[in-house]
Amino acid sequence: MDSGDGSDEEGGRGRYKILFEGGSCIGTGRCAEVSENWGMDIETGKARPENYFVSEEELDDNLDAARVCPAKNGEGVISIVDTETGEVVDPEIR
């Protein structure tokens, strides 16, 4: 059972790790509009994920956040890595 905090039922971390370049965030909040894992920090005016490790069930929701982010910096400021393979999950392919 997934607890929603990025941990699995055995208490470990989710399979996918979010890499977020917060300094490059431009604060549009589009990620927070499409993903329950993303919110806006009132003090900084920038987005932030609630959890940096997410399960397979939470992956598409977080890939949506990466897709809609207008702060593209090369690959974008939101990337997701499969911790089992070390590969970046391409939000446009999934």
C-alpha atoms as a PDB file:
ATOM      1  CA  MET A   1       0.000   0.000   0.000  1.00  0.00           C
ATOM      2  CA  ASP A   2       1.350   3.417  -0.929  1.00  0.00           C
ATOM      3  CA  SER A   3       1.345   5.996   1.842  1.00  0.00           C
ATOM      4  CA  GLY A   4       1.550   8.966  -0.543  1.00  0.00           C
ATOM      5  CA  ASP A   5       4.844  10.123   0.940  1.00  0.00           C
ATOM      6  CA  GLY A   6       6.957   8.414  -1.697  1.00  0.00           C
ATOM      7  CA  SER A   7       7.558   5.351   0.447  1.00  0.00           C
ATOM      8  CA  ASP A   8       6.485   1.858  -0.398  1.00  0.00           C
ATOM      9  CA  GLU A   9       4.649  -0.592   1.844  1.00  0.00           C
ATOM     10  CA  GLU A  10       7.937  -1.868   3.298  1.00  0.00           C
ATOM     11  CA  GLY A  11       8.834   1.667   4.435  1.00  0.00           C
ATOM     12  CA  GLY A  12      11.398   2.296   1.695  1.00  0.00           C
ATOM     13  CA  ARG A  13      11.542   5.103  -0.802  1.00  0.00           C
ATOM     14  CA  GLY A  14       9.638   5.175  -4.080  1.00  0.00           C
ATOM     15  CA  ARG A  15      11.389   3.922  -7.206  1.00  0.00           C
ATOM     16  CA  TYR A  16      11.517   7.295  -8.959  1.00  0.00           C
ATOM     17  CA  LYS A  17      13.510  10.300  -7.758  1.00  0.00           C
ATOM     18  CA  ILE A  18      12.518  13.848  -8.662  1.00  0.00           C
ATOM     19  CA  LEU A  19      15.378  16.164  -9.559  1.00  0.00           C
ATOM     20  CA  PHE A  20      14.236  19.768  -9.256  1.00  0.00           C
ATOM     21  CA  GLU A  21      16.325  22.823 -10.096  1.00  0.00           C
ATOM     22  CA  GLY A  22      14.454  25.142  -7.735  1.00  0.00           C
ATOM     23  CA  GLY A  23      16.708  28.102  -8.475  1.00  0.00           C
ATOM     24  CA  SER A  24      15.520  28.055 -12.098  1.00  0.00           C
ATOM     25  CA  CYS A  25      11.813  27.873 -11.177  1.00  0.00           C
ATOM     26  CA  ILE A  26       9.914  30.917 -12.482  1.00  0.00           C
ATOM     27  CA  GLY A  27       6.920  30.409 -10.185  1.00  0.00           C
ATOM     28  CA  THR A  28       4.061  29.970 -12.655  1.00  0.00           C
ATOM     29  CA  GLY A  29       2.514  27.171 -10.578  1.00  0.00           C
ATOM     30  CA  ARG A  30       1.568  25.084 -13.610  1.00  0.00           C
ATOM     31  CA  CYS A  31       3.143  22.000 -12.023  1.00  0.00           C
ATOM     32  CA  ALA A  32       0.977  22.486  -8.929  1.00  0.00           C
ATOM     33  CA  GLU A  33      -2.123  22.786 -11.115  1.00  0.00           C
ATOM     34  CA  VAL A  34      -1.631  19.328 -12.652  1.00  0.00           C
ATOM     35  CA  SER A  35       0.059  17.318  -9.893  1.00  0.00           C
ATOM     36  CA  GLU A  36      -0.985  16.679  -6.306  1.00  0.00           C
ATOM     37  CA  ASN A  37       2.696  16.236  -5.375  1.00  0.00           C
ATOM     38  CA  TRP A  38       3.569  19.824  -6.311  1.00  0.00           C
ATOM     39  CA  GLY A  39       2.756  23.005  -4.434  1.00  0.00           C
ATOM     40  CA  MET A  40       3.847  26.607  -4.206  1.00  0.00           C
ATOM     41  CA  ASP A  41       6.011  27.942  -1.400  1.00  0.00           C
ATOM     42  CA  ILE A  42       4.410  31.187  -0.204  1.00  0.00           C
ATOM     43  CA  GLU A  43       7.702  32.599   1.090  1.00  0.00           C
ATOM     44  CA  THR A  44       9.728  32.054  -2.091  1.00  0.00           C
ATOM     45  CA  GLY A  45       6.975  32.132  -4.704  1.00  0.00           C
ATOM     46  CA  LYS A  46       8.470  29.007  -6.258  1.00  0.00           C
ATOM     47  CA  ALA A  47       7.196  25.489  -6.701  1.00  0.00           C
ATOM     48  CA  ARG A  48       8.354  22.502  -4.712  1.00  0.00           C
ATOM     49  CA  PRO A  49       7.489  18.818  -4.624  1.00  0.00           C
ATOM     50  CA  GLU A  50       6.027  17.424  -1.439  1.00  0.00           C
ATOM     51  CA  ASN A  51       7.942  14.183  -2.001  1.00  0.00           C
ATOM     52  CA  TYR A  52      11.165  13.698  -3.944  1.00  0.00           C
ATOM     53  CA  PHE A  53      10.740   9.930  -4.216  1.00  0.00           C
ATOM     54  CA  VAL A  54       7.565   8.638  -5.873  1.00  0.00           C
ATOM     55  CA  SER A  55       6.099   5.264  -6.725  1.00  0.00           C
ATOM     56  CA  GLU A  56       5.077   3.864 -10.098  1.00  0.00           C
ATOM     57  CA  GLU A  57       1.479   4.882  -9.321  1.00  0.00           C
ATOM     58  CA  GLU A  58       2.570   8.502  -8.780  1.00  0.00           C
ATOM     59  CA  LEU A  59       4.911   8.667 -11.769  1.00  0.00           C
ATOM     60  CA  ASP A  60       2.491   9.894 -14.465  1.00  0.00           C
ATOM     61  CA  ASP A  61       1.200  12.661 -12.185  1.00  0.00           C
ATOM     62  CA  ASN A  62       4.749  13.939 -11.670  1.00  0.00           C
ATOM     63  CA  LEU A  63       5.644  13.533 -15.341  1.00  0.00           C
ATOM     64  CA  ASP A  64       2.665  15.799 -16.084  1.00  0.00           C
ATOM     65  CA  ALA A  65       4.284  18.427 -13.841  1.00  0.00           C
ATOM     66  CA  ALA A  66       7.518  18.132 -15.843  1.00  0.00           C
ATOM     67  CA  ARG A  67       5.632  18.378 -19.160  1.00  0.00           C
ATOM     68  CA  VAL A  68       3.785  21.595 -18.338  1.00  0.00           C
ATOM     69  CA  CYS A  69       6.672  23.444 -16.686  1.00  0.00           C
ATOM     70  CA  PRO A  70       7.451  26.500 -18.840  1.00  0.00           C
ATOM     71  CA  ALA A  71      10.896  26.973 -17.243  1.00  0.00           C
ATOM     72  CA  LYS A  72      12.690  24.781 -19.742  1.00  0.00           C
ATOM     73  CA  ASN A  73      16.415  24.807 -19.124  1.00  0.00           C
ATOM     74  CA  GLY A  74      17.882  22.154 -21.393  1.00  0.00           C
ATOM     75  CA  GLU A  75      15.890  19.127 -20.246  1.00  0.00           C
ATOM     76  CA  GLY A  76      13.727  21.295 -17.986  1.00  0.00           C
ATOM     77  CA  VAL A  77      13.869  22.141 -14.303  1.00  0.00           C
ATOM     78  CA  ILE A  78      11.895  19.019 -13.329  1.00  0.00           C
ATOM     79  CA  SER A  79      13.444  15.655 -14.171  1.00  0.00           C
ATOM     80  CA  ILE A  80      12.596  12.200 -12.889  1.00  0.00           C
ATOM     81  CA  VAL A  81      15.152   9.416 -12.600  1.00  0.00           C
ATOM     82  CA  ASP A  82      14.405   5.704 -12.364  1.00  0.00           C
ATOM     83  CA  THR A  83      16.522   4.702  -9.357  1.00  0.00           C
ATOM     84  CA  GLU A  84      16.726   1.083 -10.534  1.00  0.00           C
ATOM     85  CA  THR A  85      18.192   1.889 -13.958  1.00  0.00           C
ATOM     86  CA  GLY A  86      19.667   5.364 -13.383  1.00  0.00           C
ATOM     87  CA  GLU A  87      17.917   6.616 -16.526  1.00  0.00           C
ATOM     88  CA  VAL A  88      15.937   9.835 -16.796  1.00  0.00           C
ATOM     89  CA  VAL A  89      12.284   9.080 -17.591  1.00  0.00           C
ATOM     90  CA  ASP A  90      11.304  11.097 -20.660  1.00  0.00           C
ATOM     91  CA  PRO A  91       7.949  12.792 -19.956  1.00  0.00           C
ATOM     92  CA  GLU A  92       7.202  13.061 -23.692  1.00  0.00           C
ATOM     93  CA  ILE A  93       7.549   9.306 -24.297  1.00  0.00           C
ATOM     94  CA  ARG A  94       5.584   8.053 -21.339  1.00  0.00           C
END
